[in-house]
PDB file of N, CA and C in Angstrom:
ATOM      1  N   MET A   1      96.790  81.254  48.511  1.00  0.00           N
ATOM      2  CA  MET A   1      98.205  80.910  48.430  1.00  0.00           C
ATOM      3  C   MET A   1      98.829  81.005  49.815  1.00  0.00           C
ATOM      4  N   MET A   2      99.585  79.996  50.179  1.00  0.00           N
ATOM      5  CA  MET A   2     100.304  79.994  51.455  1.00  0.00           C
ATOM      6  C   MET A   2     101.794  79.931  51.162  1.00  0.00           C
ATOM      7  N   THR A   3     102.544  80.779  51.839  1.00  0.00           N
ATOM      8  CA  THR A   3     103.989  80.826  51.652  1.00  0.00           C
ATOM      9  C   THR A   3     104.669  80.388  52.934  1.00  0.00           C
ATOM     10  N   GLY A   4     105.639  79.459  52.799  1.00  0.00           N
ATOM     11  CA  GLY A   4     106.342  78.912  53.958  1.00  0.00           C
ATOM     12  C   GLY A   4     107.359  79.861  54.512  1.00  0.00           C
ATOM     13  N   PRO A   5     107.940  79.535  55.632  1.00  0.00           N
ATOM     14  CA  PRO A   5     107.921  78.210  56.259  1.00  0.00           C
ATOM     15  C   PRO A   5     106.627  77.944  57.028  1.00  0.00           C
ATOM     16  N   LEU A   6     106.096  76.730  56.858  1.00  0.00           N
ATOM     17  CA  LEU A   6     104.881  76.296  57.537  1.00  0.00           C
ATOM     18  C   LEU A   6     105.197  75.087  58.408  1.00  0.00           C
ATOM     19  N   ASP A   7     104.638  75.052  59.608  1.00  0.00           N
ATOM     20  CA  ASP A   7     104.740  73.895  60.498  1.00  0.00           C
ATOM     21  C   ASP A   7     103.351  73.295  60.639  1.00  0.00           C
ATOM     22  N   ILE A   8     103.167  72.077  60.153  1.00  0.00           N
ATOM     23  CA  ILE A   8     101.885  71.382  60.229  1.00  0.00           C
ATOM     24  C   ILE A   8     101.929  70.471  61.450  1.00  0.00           C
ATOM     25  N   ILE A   9     101.064  70.731  62.437  1.00  0.00           N
ATOM     26  CA  ILE A   9     101.080  69.945  63.672  1.00  0.00           C
ATOM     27  C   ILE A   9      99.788  69.157  63.884  1.00  0.00           C
ATOM     28  N   GLU A  10      98.859  69.233  62.931  1.00  0.00           N
ATOM     29  CA  GLU A  10      97.649  68.418  62.988  1.00  0.00           C
ATOM     30  C   GLU A  10      97.213  68.135  61.557  1.00  0.00           C
ATOM     31  N   ASN A  11      96.267  67.221  61.373  1.00  0.00           N
ATOM     32  CA  ASN A  11      95.798  66.879  60.033  1.00  0.00           C
ATOM     33  C   ASN A  11      95.246  68.128  59.362  1.00  0.00           C
ATOM     34  N   THR A  12      95.717  68.403  58.141  1.00  0.00           N
ATOM     35  CA  THR A  12      95.395  69.663  57.478  1.00  0.00           C
ATOM     36  C   THR A  12      95.080  69.436  56.011  1.00  0.00           C
ATOM     37  N   ASP A  13      94.018  70.099  55.524  1.00  0.00           N
ATOM     38  CA  ASP A  13      93.669  70.123  54.102  1.00  0.00           C
ATOM     39  C   ASP A  13      93.862  71.547  53.602  1.00  0.00           C
ATOM     40  N   ILE A  14      94.589  71.695  52.511  1.00  0.00           N
ATOM     41  CA  ILE A  14      94.824  73.014  51.925  1.00  0.00           C
ATOM     42  C   ILE A  14      94.396  72.964  50.469  1.00  0.00           C
ATOM     43  N   SER A  15      93.550  73.912  50.063  1.00  0.00           N
ATOM     44  CA  SER A  15      93.199  74.025  48.645  1.00  0.00           C
ATOM     45  C   SER A  15      93.821  75.317  48.132  1.00  0.00           C
ATOM     46  N   GLY A  16      94.571  75.200  47.075  1.00  0.00           N
ATOM     47  CA  GLY A  16      95.277  76.349  46.533  1.00  0.00           C
ATOM     48  C   GLY A  16      96.749  76.038  46.394  1.00  0.00           C
ATOM     49  N   MET A  17      97.564  77.083  46.364  1.00  0.00           N
ATOM     50  CA  MET A  17      98.998  76.919  46.134  1.00  0.00           C
ATOM     51  C   MET A  17      99.772  77.031  47.433  1.00  0.00           C
ATOM     52  N   VAL A  18     100.772  76.175  47.594  1.00  0.00           N
ATOM     53  CA  VAL A  18     101.674  76.217  48.745  1.00  0.00           C
ATOM     54  C   VAL A  18     103.091  76.309  48.204  1.00  0.00           C
ATOM     55  N   THR A  19     103.859  77.253  48.724  1.00  0.00           N
ATOM     56  CA  THR A  19     105.229  77.411  48.263  1.00  0.00           C
ATOM     57  C   THR A  19     106.148  77.625  49.454  1.00  0.00           C
ATOM     58  N   GLY A  20     107.376  77.151  49.337  1.00  0.00           N
ATOM     59  CA  GLY A  20     108.350  77.317  50.413  1.00  0.00           C
ATOM     60  C   GLY A  20     108.576  76.041  51.192  1.00  0.00           C
ATOM     61  N   LYS A  21     109.083  76.195  52.403  1.00  0.00           N
ATOM     62  CA  LYS A  21     109.439  75.070  53.273  1.00  0.00           C
ATOM     63  C   LYS A  21     108.229  74.677  54.126  1.00  0.00           C
ATOM     64  N   VAL A  22     107.882  73.394  54.085  1.00  0.00           N
ATOM     65  CA  VAL A  22     106.752  72.877  54.857  1.00  0.00           C
ATOM     66  C   VAL A  22     107.250  71.717  55.703  1.00  0.00           C
ATOM     67  N   ARG A  23     107.055  71.798  57.023  1.00  0.00           N
ATOM     68  CA  ARG A  23     107.426  70.714  57.930  1.00  0.00           C
ATOM     69  C   ARG A  23     106.144  70.072  58.456  1.00  0.00           C
ATOM     70  N   VAL A  24     106.033  68.753  58.252  1.00  0.00           N
ATOM     71  CA  VAL A  24     104.855  68.008  58.704  1.00  0.00           C
ATOM     72  C   VAL A  24     105.256  67.204  59.928  1.00  0.00           C
ATOM     73  N   GLY A  25     104.569  67.433  61.049  1.00  0.00           N
ATOM     74  CA  GLY A  25     104.882  66.774  62.311  1.00  0.00           C
ATOM     75  C   GLY A  25     104.545  65.294  62.294  1.00  0.00           C
ATOM     76  N   SER A  26     105.027  64.582  63.294  1.00  0.00           N
ATOM     77  CA  SER A  26     104.823  63.136  63.358  1.00  0.00           C
ATOM     78  C   SER A  26     103.342  62.804  63.511  1.00  0.00           C
ATOM     79  N   ASN A  27     102.937  61.740  62.826  1.00  0.00           N
ATOM     80  CA  ASN A  27     101.566  61.234  62.827  1.00  0.00           C
ATOM     81  C   ASN A  27     100.546  62.260  62.348  1.00  0.00           C
ATOM     82  N   CYS A  28     100.956  63.186  61.498  1.00  0.00           N
ATOM     83  CA  CYS A  28     100.055  64.176  60.909  1.00  0.00           C
ATOM     84  C   CYS A  28      99.909  63.893  59.417  1.00  0.00           C
ATOM     85  N   GLN A  29      98.789  64.344  58.854  1.00  0.00           N
ATOM     86  CA  GLN A  29      98.554  64.175  57.433  1.00  0.00           C
ATOM     87  C   GLN A  29      98.327  65.541  56.801  1.00  0.00           C
ATOM     88  N   LEU A  30      98.999  65.789  55.688  1.00  0.00           N
ATOM     89  CA  LEU A  30      98.836  67.018  54.917  1.00  0.00           C
ATOM     90  C   LEU A  30      98.275  66.649  53.555  1.00  0.00           C
ATOM     91  N   ARG A  31      97.181  67.301  53.176  1.00  0.00           N
ATOM     92  CA  ARG A  31      96.580  67.094  51.855  1.00  0.00           C
ATOM     93  C   ARG A  31      96.486  68.451  51.171  1.00  0.00           C
ATOM     94  N   VAL A  32      97.111  68.553  50.004  1.00  0.00           N
ATOM     95  CA  VAL A  32      97.089  69.796  49.233  1.00  0.00           C
ATOM     96  C   VAL A  32      96.440  69.500  47.891  1.00  0.00           C
ATOM     97  N   SER A  33      95.330  70.177  47.595  1.00  0.00           N
ATOM     98  CA  SER A  33      94.616  69.909  46.349  1.00  0.00           C
ATOM     99  C   SER A  33      94.974  70.905  45.250  1.00  0.00           C
ATOM    100  N   GLY A  34      96.041  71.647  45.439  1.00  0.00           N
ATOM    101  CA  GLY A  34      96.494  72.582  44.408  1.00  0.00           C
ATOM    102  C   GLY A  34      97.924  72.287  44.022  1.00  0.00           C
ATOM    103  N   MET A  35      98.685  73.337  43.808  1.00  0.00           N
ATOM    104  CA  MET A  35     100.078  73.203  43.386  1.00  0.00           C
ATOM    105  C   MET A  35     101.011  73.380  44.574  1.00  0.00           C
ATOM    106  N   VAL A  36     102.076  72.578  44.622  1.00  0.00           N
ATOM    107  CA  VAL A  36     103.068  72.677  45.693  1.00  0.00           C
ATOM    108  C   VAL A  36     104.445  72.870  45.064  1.00  0.00           C
ATOM    109  N   THR A  37     105.167  73.898  45.525  1.00  0.00           N
ATOM    110  CA  THR A  37     106.558  74.083  45.125  1.00  0.00           C
ATOM    111  C   THR A  37     107.384  74.251  46.386  1.00  0.00           C
ATOM    112  N   GLY A  38     108.579  73.710  46.386  1.00  0.00           N
ATOM    113  CA  GLY A  38     109.451  73.833  47.551  1.00  0.00           C
ATOM    114  C   GLY A  38     109.757  72.488  48.171  1.00  0.00           C
ATOM    115  N   LYS A  39     110.182  72.517  49.430  1.00  0.00           N
ATOM    116  CA  LYS A  39     110.584  71.302  50.134  1.00  0.00           C
ATOM    117  C   LYS A  39     109.561  70.946  51.203  1.00  0.00           C
ATOM    118  N   ILE A  40     109.271  69.648  51.301  1.00  0.00           N
ATOM    119  CA  ILE A  40     108.389  69.131  52.344  1.00  0.00           C
ATOM    120  C   ILE A  40     109.211  68.194  53.206  1.00  0.00           C
ATOM    121  N   TYR A  41     109.291  68.497  54.489  1.00  0.00           N
ATOM    122  CA  TYR A  41     110.028  67.677  55.453  1.00  0.00           C
ATOM    123  C   TYR A  41     109.012  66.840  56.221  1.00  0.00           C
ATOM    124  N   LEU A  42     109.162  65.510  56.159  1.00  0.00           N
ATOM    125  CA  LEU A  42     108.234  64.599  56.828  1.00  0.00           C
ATOM    126  C   LEU A  42     108.881  64.003  58.066  1.00  0.00           C
ATOM    127  N   ALA A  43     108.217  64.135  59.203  1.00  0.00           N
ATOM    128  CA  ALA A  43     108.663  63.473  60.426  1.00  0.00           C
ATOM    129  C   ALA A  43     108.182  62.019  60.382  1.00  0.00           C
ATOM    130  N   LYS A  44     108.594  61.243  61.356  1.00  0.00           N
ATOM    131  CA  LYS A  44     108.224  59.828  61.412  1.00  0.00           C
ATOM    132  C   LYS A  44     106.699  59.691  61.543  1.00  0.00           C
ATOM    133  N   GLY A  45     106.105  58.891  60.691  1.00  0.00           N
ATOM    134  CA  GLY A  45     104.671  58.651  60.729  1.00  0.00           C
ATOM    135  C   GLY A  45     103.839  59.698  60.001  1.00  0.00           C
ATOM    136  N   ALA A  46     104.463  60.701  59.423  1.00  0.00           N
ATOM    137  CA  ALA A  46     103.733  61.746  58.703  1.00  0.00           C
ATOM    138  C   ALA A  46     103.378  61.268  57.297  1.00  0.00           C
ATOM    139  N   GLU A  47     102.263  61.787  56.773  1.00  0.00           N
ATOM    140  CA  GLU A  47     101.813  61.432  55.433  1.00  0.00           C
ATOM    141  C   GLU A  47     101.510  62.700  54.654  1.00  0.00           C
ATOM    142  N   VAL A  48     101.709  62.623  53.347  1.00  0.00           N
ATOM    143  CA  VAL A  48     101.371  63.754  52.487  1.00  0.00           C
ATOM    144  C   VAL A  48     100.636  63.228  51.260  1.00  0.00           C
ATOM    145  N   ASP A  49      99.593  63.942  50.849  1.00  0.00           N
ATOM    146  CA  ASP A  49      98.792  63.570  49.689  1.00  0.00           C
ATOM    147  C   ASP A  49      98.649  64.817  48.815  1.00  0.00           C
ATOM    148  N   ILE A  50      99.180  64.739  47.599  1.00  0.00           N
ATOM    149  CA  ILE A  50      99.137  65.884  46.691  1.00  0.00           C
ATOM    150  C   ILE A  50      98.542  65.413  45.365  1.00  0.00           C
ATOM    151  N   PRO A  51      97.220  65.510  45.192  1.00  0.00           N
ATOM    152  CA  PRO A  51      96.635  65.109  43.915  1.00  0.00           C
ATOM    153  C   PRO A  51      96.877  66.125  42.799  1.00  0.00           C
ATOM    154  N   GLY A  52      97.357  67.300  43.134  1.00  0.00           N
ATOM    155  CA  GLY A  52      97.649  68.330  42.130  1.00  0.00           C
ATOM    156  C   GLY A  52      99.086  68.260  41.655  1.00  0.00           C
ATOM    157  N   MET A  53      99.610  69.389  41.227  1.00  0.00           N
ATOM    158  CA  MET A  53     100.972  69.466  40.694  1.00  0.00           C
ATOM    159  C   MET A  53     101.990  69.622  41.816  1.00  0.00           C
ATOM    160  N   PHE A  54     103.132  68.942  41.678  1.00  0.00           N
ATOM    161  CA  PHE A  54     104.190  69.026  42.683  1.00  0.00           C
ATOM    162  C   PHE A  54     105.520  69.281  42.000  1.00  0.00           C
ATOM    163  N   ASN A  55     106.231  70.305  42.458  1.00  0.00           N
ATOM    164  CA  ASN A  55     107.556  70.621  41.931  1.00  0.00           C
ATOM    165  C   ASN A  55     108.446  70.931  43.125  1.00  0.00           C
ATOM    166  N   GLY A  56     109.248  69.980  43.548  1.00  0.00           N
ATOM    167  CA  GLY A  56     110.104  70.198  44.709  1.00  0.00           C
ATOM    168  C   GLY A  56     110.713  68.904  45.198  1.00  0.00           C
ATOM    169  N   LYS A  57     110.940  68.841  46.510  1.00  0.00           N
ATOM    170  CA  LYS A  57     111.560  67.672  47.133  1.00  0.00           C
ATOM    171  C   LYS A  57     110.756  67.260  48.350  1.00  0.00           C
ATOM    172  N   ILE A  58     110.760  65.948  48.616  1.00  0.00           N
ATOM    173  CA  ILE A  58     110.218  65.431  49.872  1.00  0.00           C
ATOM    174  C   ILE A  58     111.381  64.823  50.629  1.00  0.00           C
ATOM    175  N   ILE A  59     111.591  65.295  51.842  1.00  0.00           N
ATOM    176  CA  ILE A  59     112.718  64.860  52.663  1.00  0.00           C
ATOM    177  C   ILE A  59     112.165  64.198  53.919  1.00  0.00           C
ATOM    178  N   ARG A  60     112.561  62.948  54.151  1.00  0.00           N
ATOM    179  CA  ARG A  60     112.138  62.240  55.367  1.00  0.00           C
ATOM    180  C   ARG A  60     113.204  62.401  56.420  1.00  0.00           C
ATOM    181  N   ARG A  61     112.784  62.744  57.629  1.00  0.00           N
ATOM    182  CA  ARG A  61     113.757  62.908  58.708  1.00  0.00           C
ATOM    183  C   ARG A  61     113.360  62.105  59.911  1.00  0.00           C
TER     184      ARG A  61
END
């Protein structure tokens, strides 16, 4: 389990639960294969892939 705030600055794969505030940097990819709760902030060119459960918001900035 990872608890935010998290700053993702390179391509990252996370297996398990992520909760809290997550900021994904520009041109980075975040893949979470577990459950995500909270807010995900996407910079320009950022991608997110969540094949598991998602409960929260995705905010593009």
